[in-house]
Protein backbone atom coordinates (compact mmCIF):
# COMPACT_ATOMS: atom_id res chain seq x y z
CA MET A 1 -79.33 54.79 -62.96
CA PRO A 2 -78.06 51.82 -60.85
CA ALA A 3 -74.61 52.36 -62.35
CA ALA A 4 -74.67 56.01 -61.26
CA ASN A 5 -75.56 55.05 -57.69
CA GLY A 6 -72.84 52.41 -57.56
CA PRO A 7 -69.93 54.57 -56.26
CA GLY A 8 -72.16 56.46 -53.82
CA LEU A 9 -73.60 53.26 -52.39
CA GLU A 10 -70.14 51.79 -52.10
CA ARG A 11 -68.95 54.90 -50.29
CA ARG A 12 -71.86 54.87 -47.83
CA THR A 13 -71.30 51.19 -47.17
CA ARG A 14 -67.63 51.86 -46.47
CA GLU A 15 -68.48 54.76 -44.14
CA LEU A 16 -71.05 52.71 -42.23
CA TYR A 17 -68.51 49.93 -41.84
CA SER A 18 -65.94 52.43 -40.54
CA LEU A 19 -68.44 53.90 -38.09
CA SER A 20 -69.38 50.46 -36.78
CA GLN A 21 -65.72 49.54 -36.28
CA VAL A 22 -64.96 52.77 -34.42
CA ALA A 23 -68.13 52.50 -32.31
CA LYS A 24 -67.26 48.92 -31.41
CA THR A 25 -63.77 50.02 -30.37
CA LEU A 26 -65.18 52.83 -28.22
CA THR A 27 -67.21 50.35 -26.18
CA ALA A 28 -64.08 48.49 -25.06
CA ALA A 29 -63.28 48.51 -21.33
CA LEU A 30 -60.06 50.51 -21.62
CA ASP A 31 -58.60 53.58 -19.97
CA LEU A 32 -59.04 56.73 -22.05
CA PRO A 33 -55.46 56.91 -23.46
CA GLU A 34 -55.61 53.25 -24.52
CA LEU A 35 -59.12 53.71 -25.90
CA LEU A 36 -58.13 56.70 -28.05
CA GLY A 37 -55.04 54.85 -29.21
CA ALA A 38 -57.19 51.90 -30.30
CA VAL A 39 -59.59 54.25 -32.14
CA MET A 40 -56.75 55.88 -34.08
CA ASP A 41 -55.35 52.48 -34.94
CA LYS A 42 -58.77 51.49 -36.28
CA LEU A 43 -59.10 54.75 -38.25
CA SER A 44 -55.75 54.16 -39.91
CA ARG A 45 -57.10 50.91 -41.36
CA VAL A 46 -60.62 51.85 -42.41
CA LEU A 47 -60.50 55.53 -43.33
CA GLU A 48 -59.31 56.72 -46.68
CA PRO A 49 -57.50 58.91 -47.58
CA ALA A 50 -56.07 59.48 -44.08
CA GLU A 51 -52.37 58.59 -43.93
CA ALA A 52 -51.71 60.35 -40.62
CA GLY A 53 -53.82 61.74 -37.84
CA ALA A 54 -53.82 62.90 -34.25
CA ILE A 55 -56.22 63.56 -31.41
CA MET A 56 -55.12 66.87 -29.92
CA LEU A 57 -56.62 67.52 -26.47
CA TRP A 58 -56.61 70.83 -24.61
CA ASP A 59 -54.64 70.71 -21.37
CA GLN A 60 -56.12 73.36 -19.10
CA SER A 61 -53.22 73.27 -16.63
CA SER A 62 -50.54 74.06 -19.21
CA GLY A 63 -52.71 76.06 -21.62
CA LEU A 64 -51.55 73.90 -24.54
CA PHE A 65 -52.90 71.29 -26.94
CA ARG A 66 -51.12 67.94 -26.57
CA ALA A 67 -51.29 64.81 -28.71
CA GLU A 68 -53.16 62.05 -26.89
CA ALA A 69 -53.22 59.49 -29.71
CA ALA A 70 -51.99 59.34 -33.30
CA PHE A 71 -51.20 57.23 -36.33
CA GLY A 72 -48.66 57.95 -39.05
CA TYR A 73 -46.63 59.89 -36.45
CA ASP A 74 -44.15 58.86 -33.81
CA LEU A 75 -46.43 59.62 -30.86
CA GLN A 76 -43.63 60.05 -28.32
CA ILE A 77 -42.00 62.74 -30.46
CA LEU A 78 -45.34 64.33 -31.35
CA ARG A 79 -46.06 64.75 -27.63
CA GLU A 80 -43.13 67.17 -27.47
CA MET A 81 -45.29 69.55 -29.49
CA GLY A 82 -47.46 71.93 -27.46
CA LEU A 83 -49.81 74.16 -29.43
CA ARG A 84 -51.12 77.37 -27.91
CA ALA A 85 -54.68 78.59 -28.22
CA GLY A 86 -55.31 79.73 -31.81
CA GLU A 87 -52.04 78.21 -33.05
CA SER A 88 -51.95 76.26 -36.34
CA ILE A 89 -54.84 74.11 -37.61
CA THR A 90 -55.72 72.70 -34.20
CA GLY A 91 -55.96 76.05 -32.43
CA LYS A 92 -58.12 77.63 -35.13
CA VAL A 93 -60.61 74.74 -35.32
CA TYR A 94 -60.93 74.63 -31.53
CA ASP A 95 -61.55 78.39 -31.28
CA GLU A 96 -64.10 78.47 -34.10
CA GLY A 97 -65.83 75.22 -33.19
CA VAL A 98 -66.29 74.22 -36.85
CA ALA A 99 -64.47 71.84 -39.18
CA HIS A 100 -61.68 73.03 -41.48
CA LEU A 101 -61.23 71.31 -44.83
CA LEU A 102 -57.81 72.09 -46.32
CA ALA A 103 -57.92 70.46 -49.74
CA THR A 104 -54.55 71.63 -51.10
CA PRO A 105 -50.97 72.00 -49.77
CA ALA A 106 -51.35 75.78 -50.10
CA GLU A 107 -54.42 75.82 -47.84
CA VAL A 108 -52.61 73.61 -45.32
CA ALA A 109 -49.62 75.99 -45.36
CA VAL A 110 -51.84 79.01 -44.69
CA ASP A 111 -53.42 77.49 -41.56
CA MET A 112 -49.99 76.36 -40.33
CA THR A 113 -48.27 79.72 -40.94
CA ASP A 114 -48.31 80.71 -37.26
CA MET A 115 -46.97 77.37 -35.95
CA ARG A 116 -43.95 78.09 -33.76
CA PRO A 117 -40.54 76.80 -34.97
CA ALA A 118 -40.11 74.33 -32.10
CA ASN A 119 -43.49 72.78 -32.91
CA ARG A 120 -42.65 72.65 -36.62
CA ALA A 121 -39.43 70.81 -35.78
CA ALA A 122 -41.21 68.34 -33.50
CA MET A 123 -43.86 67.65 -36.16
CA ALA A 124 -41.23 67.05 -38.83
CA ARG A 125 -39.33 64.62 -36.59
CA ALA A 126 -42.56 62.84 -35.65
CA LEU A 127 -43.35 62.39 -39.38
CA ASN A 128 -39.70 61.64 -40.17
CA SER A 129 -40.15 63.99 -43.11
CA ASP A 130 -39.92 67.68 -43.95
CA THR A 131 -42.86 67.34 -46.32
CA TRP A 132 -46.03 68.98 -45.08
CA PRO A 133 -49.46 67.34 -45.52
CA GLN A 134 -51.02 67.51 -48.98
CA SER A 135 -54.50 67.96 -47.51
CA ALA A 136 -56.08 67.94 -44.07
CA LEU A 137 -59.44 67.69 -42.37
CA ALA A 138 -59.71 68.93 -38.79
CA VAL A 139 -62.93 68.70 -36.76
CA PRO A 140 -63.70 69.80 -33.20
CA LEU A 141 -64.20 67.26 -30.40
CA GLN A 142 -67.12 68.53 -28.35
CA ALA A 143 -69.98 66.95 -26.42
CA GLY A 144 -72.34 67.90 -23.63
CA GLY A 145 -71.43 71.55 -23.91
CA HIS A 146 -67.73 70.80 -23.36
CA ARG A 147 -64.90 71.26 -25.83
CA PHE A 148 -62.10 68.72 -25.51
CA GLY A 149 -59.84 69.21 -28.51
CA VAL A 150 -59.53 68.52 -32.22
CA LEU A 151 -59.30 65.45 -34.45
CA VAL A 152 -56.82 66.15 -37.26
CA LEU A 153 -56.54 63.82 -40.30
CA GLU A 154 -54.01 64.34 -43.07
CA THR A 155 -52.91 62.97 -46.43
CA LEU A 156 -49.15 62.93 -46.91
CA HIS A 157 -48.51 61.59 -50.40
CA GLY A 158 -51.82 61.16 -52.20
CA PRO A 159 -53.22 60.64 -54.71
CA ALA A 160 -56.42 60.58 -52.58
CA GLU A 161 -57.34 63.77 -50.75
CA PHE A 162 -60.10 65.02 -48.47
CA THR A 163 -63.19 66.61 -50.02
CA GLU A 164 -66.41 68.23 -48.80
CA ARG A 165 -68.10 64.84 -48.86
CA ASP A 166 -65.75 63.65 -46.08
CA VAL A 167 -66.68 66.41 -43.63
CA PRO A 168 -70.02 65.05 -42.28
CA PHE A 169 -68.63 61.54 -41.95
CA VAL A 170 -65.46 62.62 -40.11
CA GLN A 171 -67.50 64.95 -37.89
CA THR A 172 -69.66 61.97 -36.92
CA LEU A 173 -66.51 60.03 -36.05
CA ALA A 174 -65.30 62.99 -33.98
CA ASP A 175 -68.65 63.16 -32.16
CA LEU A 176 -68.33 59.49 -31.21
CA ILE A 177 -64.81 60.10 -29.90
CA ALA A 178 -65.98 63.20 -28.00
CA LEU A 179 -68.77 61.20 -26.37
CA ALA A 180 -66.19 58.65 -25.19
CA ILE A 181 -64.02 61.44 -23.77
CA ASP A 182 -67.04 62.98 -22.04
CA ARG A 183 -68.01 59.61 -20.61
CA ALA A 184 -64.47 59.18 -19.23
CA ARG A 185 -64.63 62.71 -17.78
CA LEU A 186 -67.93 62.01 -16.04
CA GLN A 187 -66.66 58.65 -14.78
CA ALA A 188 -63.53 60.29 -13.37
CA LYS A 189 -65.70 62.93 -11.68
CA ALA A 190 -67.98 60.26 -10.23
CA ASP A 191 -64.98 58.25 -9.02
CA ALA A 192 -63.51 61.36 -7.38
CA ILE A 193 -66.81 62.11 -5.63
CA GLY A 194 -67.09 58.49 -4.53
CA ALA A 195 -63.51 58.47 -3.25
CA ALA A 196 -64.09 61.72 -1.37
CA GLN A 197 -67.27 60.36 0.20
CA GLN A 198 -65.52 57.13 1.12
CA ALA A 199 -62.62 59.10 2.61
CA ASP A 200 -65.05 61.22 4.63
CA HIS A 201 -66.84 58.11 5.84
CA LEU A 202 -63.54 56.45 6.77
CA ARG A 203 -62.37 59.63 8.49
CA SER A 204 -65.58 59.76 10.53
CA GLU A 205 -65.24 56.10 11.49
CA VAL A 206 -61.60 56.59 12.44
CA MET A 207 -62.37 59.65 14.56
CA ALA A 208 -65.20 57.81 16.28
CA THR A 209 -62.97 54.82 16.99
CA LEU A 210 -60.06 56.92 18.20
CA SER A 211 -62.35 59.04 20.39
CA HIS A 212 -63.83 55.92 21.96
CA GLU A 213 -60.47 54.22 22.51
CA LEU A 214 -58.88 57.35 23.99
CA ARG A 215 -61.87 57.97 26.25
CA THR A 216 -61.68 54.46 27.72
CA PRO A 217 -58.36 54.88 29.60
CA LEU A 218 -59.23 58.49 30.45
CA ALA A 219 -62.50 57.36 32.02
CA ALA A 220 -60.67 54.69 34.03
CA ILE A 221 -58.03 57.16 35.22
CA LYS A 222 -60.70 59.67 36.24
CA GLY A 223 -62.75 56.98 38.00
CA TYR A 224 -59.87 55.64 40.11
CA ALA A 225 -58.52 59.13 40.84
CA THR A 226 -61.98 60.32 41.91
CA ALA A 227 -62.34 57.30 44.19
CA LEU A 228 -58.99 58.02 45.84
CA LEU A 229 -60.03 61.63 46.46
CA LEU A 230 -63.26 60.75 48.27
CA GLU A 231 -62.91 62.27 51.72
CA GLU A 232 -65.63 60.10 53.25
CA VAL A 233 -63.82 56.86 52.33
CA GLU A 234 -60.66 55.67 54.03
CA TRP A 235 -59.10 53.25 51.55
CA PRO A 236 -56.74 50.56 52.85
CA ASP A 237 -53.12 50.91 51.66
CA GLU A 238 -53.45 47.77 49.55
CA LYS A 239 -56.53 49.12 47.73
CA ARG A 240 -54.89 52.55 47.22
CA ARG A 241 -51.85 50.80 45.74
CA GLU A 242 -54.12 48.78 43.44
CA PHE A 243 -55.91 51.92 42.23
CA LEU A 244 -52.61 53.73 41.62
CA GLN A 245 -51.25 50.74 39.70
CA LEU A 246 -54.38 50.67 37.53
CA ILE A 247 -54.03 54.41 36.89
CA GLU A 248 -50.40 53.85 35.87
CA GLU A 249 -51.42 51.05 33.48
CA GLU A 250 -54.12 53.17 31.87
CA CYS A 251 -51.65 56.06 31.52
CA ASP A 252 -49.27 53.67 29.74
CA ASN A 253 -52.10 52.57 27.44
CA LEU A 254 -52.98 56.18 26.71
CA GLN A 255 -49.34 57.04 26.05
CA THR A 256 -49.03 54.12 23.62
CA MET A 257 -52.17 55.15 21.71
CA ILE A 258 -51.12 58.79 21.45
CA GLY A 259 -47.61 57.73 20.42
CA ASP A 260 -48.99 55.55 17.62
CA ILE A 261 -51.21 58.40 16.38
CA LEU A 262 -48.31 60.86 16.37
CA ASP A 263 -45.93 58.37 14.73
CA SER A 264 -48.53 57.59 12.07
CA ALA A 265 -48.77 61.31 11.30
CA LEU A 266 -44.96 61.55 11.04
CA ILE A 267 -44.91 58.56 8.68
CA ASP A 268 -47.63 60.09 6.48
CA ALA A 269 -45.69 63.37 6.36
CA GLY A 270 -42.43 61.57 5.47
CA GLN A 271 -40.78 62.92 8.62
CA LEU A 272 -39.97 59.62 10.33
CA VAL A 273 -36.34 59.71 11.50
CA ILE A 274 -34.30 56.55 12.11
CA GLU A 275 -31.07 56.86 14.13
CA PRO A 276 -29.21 53.54 13.76
CA GLN A 277 -26.53 52.39 16.15
CA PRO A 278 -25.12 49.01 17.23
CA VAL A 279 -27.88 47.21 19.13
CA ARG A 280 -28.08 43.93 21.05
CA LEU A 281 -31.61 42.74 20.42
CA PRO A 282 -31.90 40.01 23.13
CA PRO A 283 -31.69 42.36 26.16
CA LEU A 284 -33.91 44.88 24.38
CA ALA A 285 -36.57 42.20 23.76
CA ARG A 286 -36.33 41.04 27.41
CA GLU A 287 -36.80 44.61 28.63
CA VAL A 288 -40.05 44.96 26.64
CA ALA A 289 -41.29 41.53 27.73
CA GLU A 290 -40.63 42.31 31.41
CA GLU A 291 -42.46 45.62 31.09
CA LEU A 292 -45.55 43.99 29.57
CA GLN A 293 -45.39 40.97 31.89
CA ARG A 294 -46.13 43.30 34.80
CA ARG A 295 -49.48 44.13 33.18
CA THR A 296 -50.81 40.57 32.87
CA ASP A 297 -51.13 37.55 35.11
CA LEU A 298 -52.82 35.40 32.46
CA HIS A 299 -49.87 35.29 30.09
CA ARG A 300 -46.34 34.02 30.36
CA LEU A 301 -43.91 36.01 28.22
CA VAL A 302 -40.81 34.06 27.18
CA VAL A 303 -37.75 35.40 25.31
CA ASP A 304 -35.52 32.89 23.49
CA PHE A 305 -32.44 34.00 21.55
CA PRO A 306 -29.36 31.95 20.60
CA PRO A 307 -26.24 32.86 22.62
CA ASP A 308 -24.29 33.99 19.54
CA PHE A 309 -27.01 36.37 18.28
CA PRO A 310 -25.21 39.15 16.35
CA ILE A 311 -25.24 42.87 16.99
CA VAL A 312 -27.26 44.75 14.35
CA ASP A 313 -27.38 48.39 13.32
CA ALA A 314 -30.81 49.74 14.26
CA ASP A 315 -32.57 52.50 16.14
CA PRO A 316 -33.05 50.91 19.59
CA ARG A 317 -36.01 53.13 20.52
CA ARG A 318 -37.86 52.31 17.31
CA ILE A 319 -37.13 48.56 17.40
CA LYS A 320 -38.25 48.50 21.02
CA GLN A 321 -41.47 50.15 19.82
CA VAL A 322 -41.93 47.48 17.14
CA ILE A 323 -41.51 44.65 19.66
CA HIS A 324 -43.79 46.43 22.14
CA ASN A 325 -46.56 46.90 19.55
CA ILE A 326 -46.42 43.26 18.43
CA LEU A 327 -46.26 41.87 21.99
CA ASP A 328 -49.09 44.15 23.07
CA ASN A 329 -51.17 42.86 20.16
CA ALA A 330 -50.36 39.25 21.07
CA ILE A 331 -51.57 39.79 24.63
CA LYS A 332 -54.75 41.57 23.53
CA TYR A 333 -55.70 38.81 21.07
CA SER A 334 -55.16 35.96 23.52
CA PRO A 335 -57.79 36.87 26.16
CA ASN A 336 -57.52 33.43 27.80
CA GLY A 337 -53.81 33.84 28.41
CA GLY A 338 -51.10 31.33 27.52
CA LEU A 339 -47.52 31.53 26.29
CA VAL A 340 -46.23 34.47 24.25
CA VAL A 341 -42.77 33.57 22.92
CA THR A 342 -40.28 36.00 21.37
CA ARG A 343 -37.56 34.24 19.40
CA GLY A 344 -34.54 35.33 17.41
CA GLU A 345 -33.17 33.56 14.32
CA VAL A 346 -29.93 34.30 12.50
CA ARG A 347 -29.81 34.01 8.70
CA PRO A 348 -26.91 34.81 6.32
CA MET A 349 -28.26 38.23 5.22
CA ASP A 350 -30.55 39.21 8.10
CA VAL A 351 -31.96 38.35 11.50
CA VAL A 352 -35.59 37.45 12.11
CA ILE A 353 -37.56 38.14 15.28
CA SER A 354 -40.77 36.16 15.76
CA ILE A 355 -43.48 36.66 18.37
CA ALA A 356 -45.95 33.79 18.74
CA ASP A 357 -49.10 33.68 20.87
CA GLN A 358 -51.76 31.07 21.67
CA GLY A 359 -54.65 33.40 21.00
CA VAL A 360 -57.77 33.40 18.87
CA GLY A 361 -55.90 33.51 15.55
CA ILE A 362 -56.69 35.39 12.36
CA VAL A 363 -58.82 34.25 9.41
CA PRO A 364 -56.86 34.11 6.09
CA GLU A 365 -58.69 37.05 4.48
CA ASP A 366 -57.65 39.30 7.39
CA LEU A 367 -53.94 38.54 6.95
CA ILE A 368 -53.76 40.67 3.77
CA PRO A 369 -54.95 44.01 5.27
CA LEU A 370 -53.44 43.23 8.69
CA PHE A 371 -50.81 45.99 8.43
CA GLU A 372 -53.09 48.65 6.92
CA LYS A 373 -53.94 51.73 8.95
CA TYR A 374 -56.99 51.44 11.22
CA PHE A 375 -57.65 47.83 10.25
CA ARG A 376 -58.92 45.83 13.22
CA VAL A 377 -59.04 42.04 13.28
CA LYS A 378 -62.47 40.90 14.42
CA SER A 379 -62.29 38.44 17.28
CA PRO A 380 -64.14 35.17 16.39
CA THR A 381 -65.56 35.15 19.93
CA GLY A 382 -66.88 38.72 19.70
CA TYR A 383 -64.38 39.84 22.36
CA HIS A 384 -63.70 43.60 22.07
CA VAL A 385 -60.01 44.33 21.63
CA PRO A 386 -59.04 47.90 22.60
CA GLY A 387 -56.65 49.92 20.43
CA THR A 388 -56.37 52.42 17.59
CA GLY A 389 -55.61 50.07 14.70
CA LEU A 390 -52.25 51.83 14.25
CA GLY A 391 -49.87 49.58 16.20
CA LEU A 392 -49.04 47.13 13.41
CA PRO A 393 -49.03 49.73 10.57
CA VAL A 394 -46.54 51.80 12.59
CA ALA A 395 -44.48 48.67 13.25
CA ARG A 396 -44.42 47.90 9.53
CA ALA A 397 -43.27 51.43 8.66
CA LEU A 398 -40.51 51.29 11.29
CA VAL A 399 -39.28 47.87 10.10
CA GLU A 400 -39.32 48.92 6.45
CA ALA A 401 -37.45 52.12 7.33
CA HIS A 402 -34.67 49.82 8.61
CA GLY A 403 -34.64 47.91 5.31
CA GLY A 404 -36.49 44.92 6.73
CA ARG A 405 -39.93 43.42 6.24
CA ILE A 406 -42.78 42.19 8.43
CA TRP A 407 -45.31 39.41 7.91
CA ALA A 408 -47.72 37.13 9.78
CA GLU A 409 -48.83 33.51 9.92
CA SER A 410 -51.94 32.38 11.73
CA LYS A 411 -54.55 29.66 12.19
CA VAL A 412 -57.93 30.38 13.73
CA GLY A 413 -58.07 29.01 17.25
CA GLN A 414 -54.34 28.16 17.29
CA GLY A 415 -52.71 31.56 17.62
CA THR A 416 -50.68 33.94 15.51
CA THR A 417 -46.98 34.43 14.82
CA LEU A 418 -45.66 37.76 13.60
CA TYR A 419 -42.19 38.00 12.10
CA PHE A 420 -39.96 40.91 11.23
CA SER A 421 -36.48 40.95 9.73
CA LEU A 422 -33.56 43.36 10.03
CA PRO A 423 -30.64 43.32 7.60
CA ARG A 424 -27.15 42.33 8.77
CA THR A 425 -25.46 45.30 7.13
CA GLY A 426 -23.62 48.41 8.23
CA LEU A 427 -20.75 48.91 10.68
CA SER A 428 -21.77 46.10 13.04
CA ALA A 429 -21.79 43.53 10.23
CA SER A 430 -18.40 44.78 8.97
CA ALA A 431 -16.92 44.59 12.47
CA ALA A 432 -18.25 41.02 12.94
CA ALA A 433 -16.68 39.96 9.62
């Protein structure tokens, strides 16, 4: 009696070992394609008599079964094969929802009769052989009421072949694989919901911020304009001029904010247009500095370029916008005033413009997301800095559209320096050479 149970016990032990190995593999922290690839690699080592196999998943968008993982095949070639619903072994097993045991070459040939010629050719190249499987066992991959595809295992040369005793075991393996696929599907769905909720939350925050920041200059404009229109008050000329100047400043602020919002939308839509031409950067930088100097008495804006600073090919309007956005930021984040210095440096392959302030500085962890949309550096003093959080992201996009780059250096309490580079290429560089 013990002798009779010997082969059966050995078989069950082997199956349990195989199941444990596959289950252990399925718990690995891998993306689904890598996970299925690892499972098939494990099956190729522990499962007899399988000499080749594939996980064929249904692709709803194309209406075809595609190979997601395999062993014994060249997977890249096998992925050229696209099986239609009901086509070959895979299609039939998927439609019927039950396993197919094909114990002989003749049975395999019958189930593969309707395989299209292009798929036959791809399968032969993937096997590197014109010989069809000697036997096959195909089981459906389904879990949680969802059908995902089919696990197909094949013998190519023998002498071992699949039998009825293999069906329950292989179906158990397929159920484990299906559970892993279902888990990945649910995780992807949860991630998508989480991303959508996060996007909605961010969108709400952005709209609230933009609404507040846009209302601030509008409220100031309305307040000063209303005061000027009061019939019962005769304002002195000096006070009227002050109110009108403040209205002009708030209009400029509003124009800058709206411009950044519109430019950000153009960048997102891929419609940003750069019109390069020969540009002298020193007078352009001085023009921006003089414009912003009129808005502040606390700061002293200095422009320092070497006398031999080269002409570069750039879009003057866009580079002026970059300098304006960075200078405006420097003024906002140095509420106590101080020097704001714009310098130019010439290097062999490019030029570098730096803008340094003596402001509050930026903590190291804020330097990484500094150029991301809507990111706002928190002032260490709690001082509210007005703006949309789009100035520096727009500046980065404009600089990168010119083939340059932008970066920042800062120490808390000692100020910040922003740099951007522009390449010395194009007609201006050729003319200088």
